[in-house]
Amino acid sequence: MSNDSSQPERPADDAPRAQDLLPLVYAELRAVAGAFIRSERQGHTLQPTALVHEA
């Protein structure tokens, strides 16, 4: 079989960049989750971090 060329090969130095981006993406997801939860009814117990972890 032939190689799947739909995904380009990544250089080995991509791992540190992805590792650097993870905290930024996580913070953004928590901010979006927080905004969503604030728009919901009062009194629920779900926290933004828990919502991000469930996703």
PDB file of N, CA and C in Angstrom:
ATOM      1  N   MET A   1       0.832  -1.188   0.000  1.00  0.00           N
ATOM      2  CA  MET A   1       0.000   0.000   0.000  1.00  0.00           C
ATOM      3  C   MET A   1       0.872   1.245   0.000  1.00  0.00           C
ATOM      4  N   SER A   2       0.309   2.316  -0.472  1.00  0.00           N
ATOM      5  CA  SER A   2       1.063   3.563  -0.527  1.00  0.00           C
ATOM      6  C   SER A   2       0.896   4.334   0.777  1.00  0.00           C
ATOM      7  N   ASN A   3       1.795   5.277   0.991  1.00  0.00           N
ATOM      8  CA  ASN A   3       1.704   6.143   2.161  1.00  0.00           C
ATOM      9  C   ASN A   3       0.495   7.057   2.036  1.00  0.00           C
ATOM     10  N   ASP A   4      -0.144   7.335   3.144  1.00  0.00           N
ATOM     11  CA  ASP A   4      -1.244   8.290   3.162  1.00  0.00           C
ATOM     12  C   ASP A   4      -0.644   9.687   3.118  1.00  0.00           C
ATOM     13  N   SER A   5      -0.830  10.380   2.018  1.00  0.00           N
ATOM     14  CA  SER A   5      -0.226  11.701   1.866  1.00  0.00           C
ATOM     15  C   SER A   5      -1.164  12.820   2.296  1.00  0.00           C
ATOM     16  N   SER A   6      -2.299  12.485   2.905  1.00  0.00           N
ATOM     17  CA  SER A   6      -3.238  13.524   3.315  1.00  0.00           C
ATOM     18  C   SER A   6      -2.729  14.318   4.508  1.00  0.00           C
ATOM     19  N   GLN A   7      -1.823  13.743   5.289  1.00  0.00           N
ATOM     20  CA  GLN A   7      -1.249  14.464   6.414  1.00  0.00           C
ATOM     21  C   GLN A   7       0.234  14.683   6.146  1.00  0.00           C
ATOM     22  N   PRO A   8       0.647  15.944   6.102  1.00  0.00           N
ATOM     23  CA  PRO A   8       2.063  16.207   5.837  1.00  0.00           C
ATOM     24  C   PRO A   8       2.930  15.742   7.003  1.00  0.00           C
ATOM     25  N   GLU A   9       4.149  15.374   6.667  1.00  0.00           N
ATOM     26  CA  GLU A   9       5.071  14.981   7.726  1.00  0.00           C
ATOM     27  C   GLU A   9       5.450  16.216   8.524  1.00  0.00           C
ATOM     28  N   ARG A  10       5.526  16.035   9.846  1.00  0.00           N
ATOM     29  CA  ARG A  10       5.880  17.149  10.719  1.00  0.00           C
ATOM     30  C   ARG A  10       7.326  16.998  11.163  1.00  0.00           C
ATOM     31  N   PRO A  11       8.039  18.099  11.221  1.00  0.00           N
ATOM     32  CA  PRO A  11       9.395  18.020  11.742  1.00  0.00           C
ATOM     33  C   PRO A  11       9.385  17.653  13.221  1.00  0.00           C
ATOM     34  N   ALA A  12      10.469  17.095  13.696  1.00  0.00           N
ATOM     35  CA  ALA A  12      10.563  16.644  15.080  1.00  0.00           C
ATOM     36  C   ALA A  12      10.428  17.790  16.068  1.00  0.00           C
ATOM     37  N   ASP A  13      10.709  19.011  15.659  1.00  0.00           N
ATOM     38  CA  ASP A  13      10.648  20.134  16.596  1.00  0.00           C
ATOM     39  C   ASP A  13       9.229  20.661  16.805  1.00  0.00           C
ATOM     40  N   ASP A  14       8.198  20.030  16.238  1.00  0.00           N
ATOM     41  CA  ASP A  14       6.812  20.448  16.467  1.00  0.00           C
ATOM     42  C   ASP A  14       6.352  20.157  17.887  1.00  0.00           C
ATOM     43  N   ALA A  15       6.870  19.132  18.516  1.00  0.00           N
ATOM     44  CA  ALA A  15       6.420  18.744  19.854  1.00  0.00           C
ATOM     45  C   ALA A  15       6.564  19.883  20.865  1.00  0.00           C
ATOM     46  N   PRO A  16       7.691  20.562  20.941  1.00  0.00           N
ATOM     47  CA  PRO A  16       7.778  21.668  21.902  1.00  0.00           C
ATOM     48  C   PRO A  16       6.792  22.793  21.598  1.00  0.00           C
ATOM     49  N   ARG A  17       6.544  23.056  20.338  1.00  0.00           N
ATOM     50  CA  ARG A  17       5.582  24.109  20.000  1.00  0.00           C
ATOM     51  C   ARG A  17       4.180  23.732  20.453  1.00  0.00           C
ATOM     52  N   ALA A  18       3.793  22.502  20.230  1.00  0.00           N
ATOM     53  CA  ALA A  18       2.477  22.043  20.676  1.00  0.00           C
ATOM     54  C   ALA A  18       2.396  22.105  22.192  1.00  0.00           C
ATOM     55  N   GLN A  19       3.477  21.739  22.847  1.00  0.00           N
ATOM     56  CA  GLN A  19       3.504  21.771  24.306  1.00  0.00           C
ATOM     57  C   GLN A  19       3.383  23.211  24.812  1.00  0.00           C
ATOM     58  N   ASP A  20       3.939  24.156  24.093  1.00  0.00           N
ATOM     59  CA  ASP A  20       3.831  25.561  24.471  1.00  0.00           C
ATOM     60  C   ASP A  20       2.424  26.101  24.247  1.00  0.00           C
ATOM     61  N   LEU A  21       1.726  25.573  23.249  1.00  0.00           N
ATOM     62  CA  LEU A  21       0.380  26.055  22.932  1.00  0.00           C
ATOM     63  C   LEU A  21      -0.686  25.515  23.871  1.00  0.00           C
ATOM     64  N   LEU A  22      -0.466  24.360  24.440  1.00  0.00           N
ATOM     65  CA  LEU A  22      -1.488  23.724  25.269  1.00  0.00           C
ATOM     66  C   LEU A  22      -2.005  24.628  26.385  1.00  0.00           C
ATOM     67  N   PRO A  23      -1.159  25.289  27.174  1.00  0.00           N
ATOM     68  CA  PRO A  23      -1.689  26.172  28.222  1.00  0.00           C
ATOM     69  C   PRO A  23      -2.532  27.317  27.665  1.00  0.00           C
ATOM     70  N   LEU A  24      -2.167  27.824  26.497  1.00  0.00           N
ATOM     71  CA  LEU A  24      -2.937  28.909  25.889  1.00  0.00           C
ATOM     72  C   LEU A  24      -4.311  28.428  25.439  1.00  0.00           C
ATOM     73  N   VAL A  25      -4.355  27.274  24.816  1.00  0.00           N
ATOM     74  CA  VAL A  25      -5.625  26.708  24.357  1.00  0.00           C
ATOM     75  C   VAL A  25      -6.505  26.370  25.556  1.00  0.00           C
ATOM     76  N   TYR A  26      -5.910  25.784  26.585  1.00  0.00           N
ATOM     77  CA  TYR A  26      -6.660  25.414  27.788  1.00  0.00           C
ATOM     78  C   TYR A  26      -7.270  26.655  28.446  1.00  0.00           C
ATOM     79  N   ALA A  27      -6.496  27.720  28.549  1.00  0.00           N
ATOM     80  CA  ALA A  27      -7.007  28.963  29.136  1.00  0.00           C
ATOM     81  C   ALA A  27      -8.153  29.529  28.305  1.00  0.00           C
ATOM     82  N   GLU A  28      -8.024  29.469  26.993  1.00  0.00           N
ATOM     83  CA  GLU A  28      -9.092  29.969  26.118  1.00  0.00           C
ATOM     84  C   GLU A  28     -10.355  29.126  26.258  1.00  0.00           C
ATOM     85  N   LEU A  29     -10.195  27.810  26.328  1.00  0.00           N
ATOM     86  CA  LEU A  29     -11.354  26.934  26.520  1.00  0.00           C
ATOM     87  C   LEU A  29     -12.050  27.229  27.842  1.00  0.00           C
ATOM     88  N   ARG A  30     -11.280  27.456  28.900  1.00  0.00           N
ATOM     89  CA  ARG A  30     -11.872  27.785  30.199  1.00  0.00           C
ATOM     90  C   ARG A  30     -12.619  29.114  30.139  1.00  0.00           C
ATOM     91  N   ALA A  31     -12.075  30.087  29.409  1.00  0.00           N
ATOM     92  CA  ALA A  31     -12.745  31.381  29.268  1.00  0.00           C
ATOM     93  C   ALA A  31     -14.066  31.230  28.523  1.00  0.00           C
ATOM     94  N   VAL A  32     -14.067  30.454  27.454  1.00  0.00           N
ATOM     95  CA  VAL A  32     -15.298  30.211  26.691  1.00  0.00           C
ATOM     96  C   VAL A  32     -16.312  29.470  27.558  1.00  0.00           C
ATOM     97  N   ALA A  33     -15.851  28.465  28.295  1.00  0.00           N
ATOM     98  CA  ALA A  33     -16.746  27.709  29.178  1.00  0.00           C
ATOM     99  C   ALA A  33     -17.316  28.616  30.262  1.00  0.00           C
ATOM    100  N   GLY A  34     -16.491  29.505  30.802  1.00  0.00           N
ATOM    101  CA  GLY A  34     -16.965  30.439  31.823  1.00  0.00           C
ATOM    102  C   GLY A  34     -18.043  31.366  31.285  1.00  0.00           C
ATOM    103  N   ALA A  35     -17.858  31.865  30.082  1.00  0.00           N
ATOM    104  CA  ALA A  35     -18.865  32.730  29.463  1.00  0.00           C
ATOM    105  C   ALA A  35     -20.160  31.969  29.227  1.00  0.00           C
ATOM    106  N   PHE A  36     -20.038  30.717  28.797  1.00  0.00           N
ATOM    107  CA  PHE A  36     -21.224  29.898  28.569  1.00  0.00           C
ATOM    108  C   PHE A  36     -21.975  29.666  29.876  1.00  0.00           C
ATOM    109  N   ILE A  37     -21.257  29.323  30.923  1.00  0.00           N
ATOM    110  CA  ILE A  37     -21.887  29.035  32.213  1.00  0.00           C
ATOM    111  C   ILE A  37     -22.543  30.291  32.785  1.00  0.00           C
ATOM    112  N   ARG A  38     -21.910  31.453  32.613  1.00  0.00           N
ATOM    113  CA  ARG A  38     -22.508  32.696  33.117  1.00  0.00           C
ATOM    114  C   ARG A  38     -23.827  33.014  32.420  1.00  0.00           C
ATOM    115  N   SER A  39     -24.000  32.527  31.200  1.00  0.00           N
ATOM    116  CA  SER A  39     -25.243  32.801  30.478  1.00  0.00           C
ATOM    117  C   SER A  39     -26.350  31.809  30.839  1.00  0.00           C
ATOM    118  N   GLU A  40     -26.016  30.782  31.597  1.00  0.00           N
ATOM    119  CA  GLU A  40     -26.999  29.780  32.012  1.00  0.00           C
ATOM    120  C   GLU A  40     -27.691  30.220  33.302  1.00  0.00           C
ATOM    121  N   ARG A  41     -28.644  29.426  33.740  1.00  0.00           N
ATOM    122  CA  ARG A  41     -29.395  29.750  34.955  1.00  0.00           C
ATOM    123  C   ARG A  41     -28.474  29.760  36.173  1.00  0.00           C
ATOM    124  N   GLN A  42     -28.881  30.484  37.197  1.00  0.00           N
ATOM    125  CA  GLN A  42     -28.130  30.550  38.447  1.00  0.00           C
ATOM    126  C   GLN A  42     -28.334  29.278  39.260  1.00  0.00           C
ATOM    127  N   GLY A  43     -27.377  28.962  40.111  1.00  0.00           N
ATOM    128  CA  GLY A  43     -27.553  27.872  41.055  1.00  0.00           C
ATOM    129  C   GLY A  43     -27.020  26.524  40.623  1.00  0.00           C
ATOM    130  N   HIS A  44     -26.524  26.398  39.408  1.00  0.00           N
ATOM    131  CA  HIS A  44     -25.979  25.100  39.024  1.00  0.00           C
ATOM    132  C   HIS A  44     -24.567  24.970  39.595  1.00  0.00           C
ATOM    133  N   THR A  45     -24.056  23.768  39.643  1.00  0.00           N
ATOM    134  CA  THR A  45     -22.767  23.530  40.291  1.00  0.00           C
ATOM    135  C   THR A  45     -21.629  23.278  39.308  1.00  0.00           C
ATOM    136  N   LEU A  46     -21.886  23.295  38.022  1.00  0.00           N
ATOM    137  CA  LEU A  46     -20.840  23.039  37.039  1.00  0.00           C
ATOM    138  C   LEU A  46     -19.882  24.228  36.967  1.00  0.00           C
ATOM    139  N   GLN A  47     -18.598  23.939  37.007  1.00  0.00           N
ATOM    140  CA  GLN A  47     -17.556  24.959  36.927  1.00  0.00           C
ATOM    141  C   GLN A  47     -16.922  24.926  35.528  1.00  0.00           C
ATOM    142  N   PRO A  48     -16.344  26.049  35.079  1.00  0.00           N
ATOM    143  CA  PRO A  48     -15.716  26.073  33.756  1.00  0.00           C
ATOM    144  C   PRO A  48     -14.662  24.977  33.562  1.00  0.00           C
ATOM    145  N   THR A  49     -13.835  24.748  34.563  1.00  0.00           N
ATOM    146  CA  THR A  49     -12.802  23.715  34.437  1.00  0.00           C
ATOM    147  C   THR A  49     -13.430  22.349  34.238  1.00  0.00           C
ATOM    148  N   ALA A  50     -14.479  22.053  34.981  1.00  0.00           N
ATOM    149  CA  ALA A  50     -15.154  20.761  34.839  1.00  0.00           C
ATOM    150  C   ALA A  50     -15.771  20.622  33.451  1.00  0.00           C
ATOM    151  N   LEU A  51     -16.332  21.696  32.936  1.00  0.00           N
ATOM    152  CA  LEU A  51     -16.920  21.657  31.600  1.00  0.00           C
ATOM    153  C   LEU A  51     -15.848  21.389  30.541  1.00  0.00           C
ATOM    154  N   VAL A  52     -14.706  22.031  30.657  1.00  0.00           N
ATOM    155  CA  VAL A  52     -13.604  21.799  29.718  1.00  0.00           C
ATOM    156  C   VAL A  52     -13.136  20.358  29.810  1.00  0.00           C
ATOM    157  N   HIS A  53     -13.029  19.831  31.012  1.00  0.00           N
ATOM    158  CA  HIS A  53     -12.563  18.452  31.177  1.00  0.00           C
ATOM    159  C   HIS A  53     -13.576  17.456  30.628  1.00  0.00           C
ATOM    160  N   GLU A  54     -14.855  17.763  30.706  1.00  0.00           N
ATOM    161  CA  GLU A  54     -15.887  16.871  30.169  1.00  0.00           C
ATOM    162  C   GLU A  54     -15.859  16.854  28.644  1.00  0.00           C
ATOM    163  N   ALA A  55     -15.475  17.977  28.052  1.00  0.00           N
ATOM    164  CA  ALA A  55     -15.414  18.051  26.587  1.00  0.00           C
ATOM    165  C   ALA A  55     -14.254  17.232  26.116  1.00  0.00           C
TER     166      ALA A  55
END
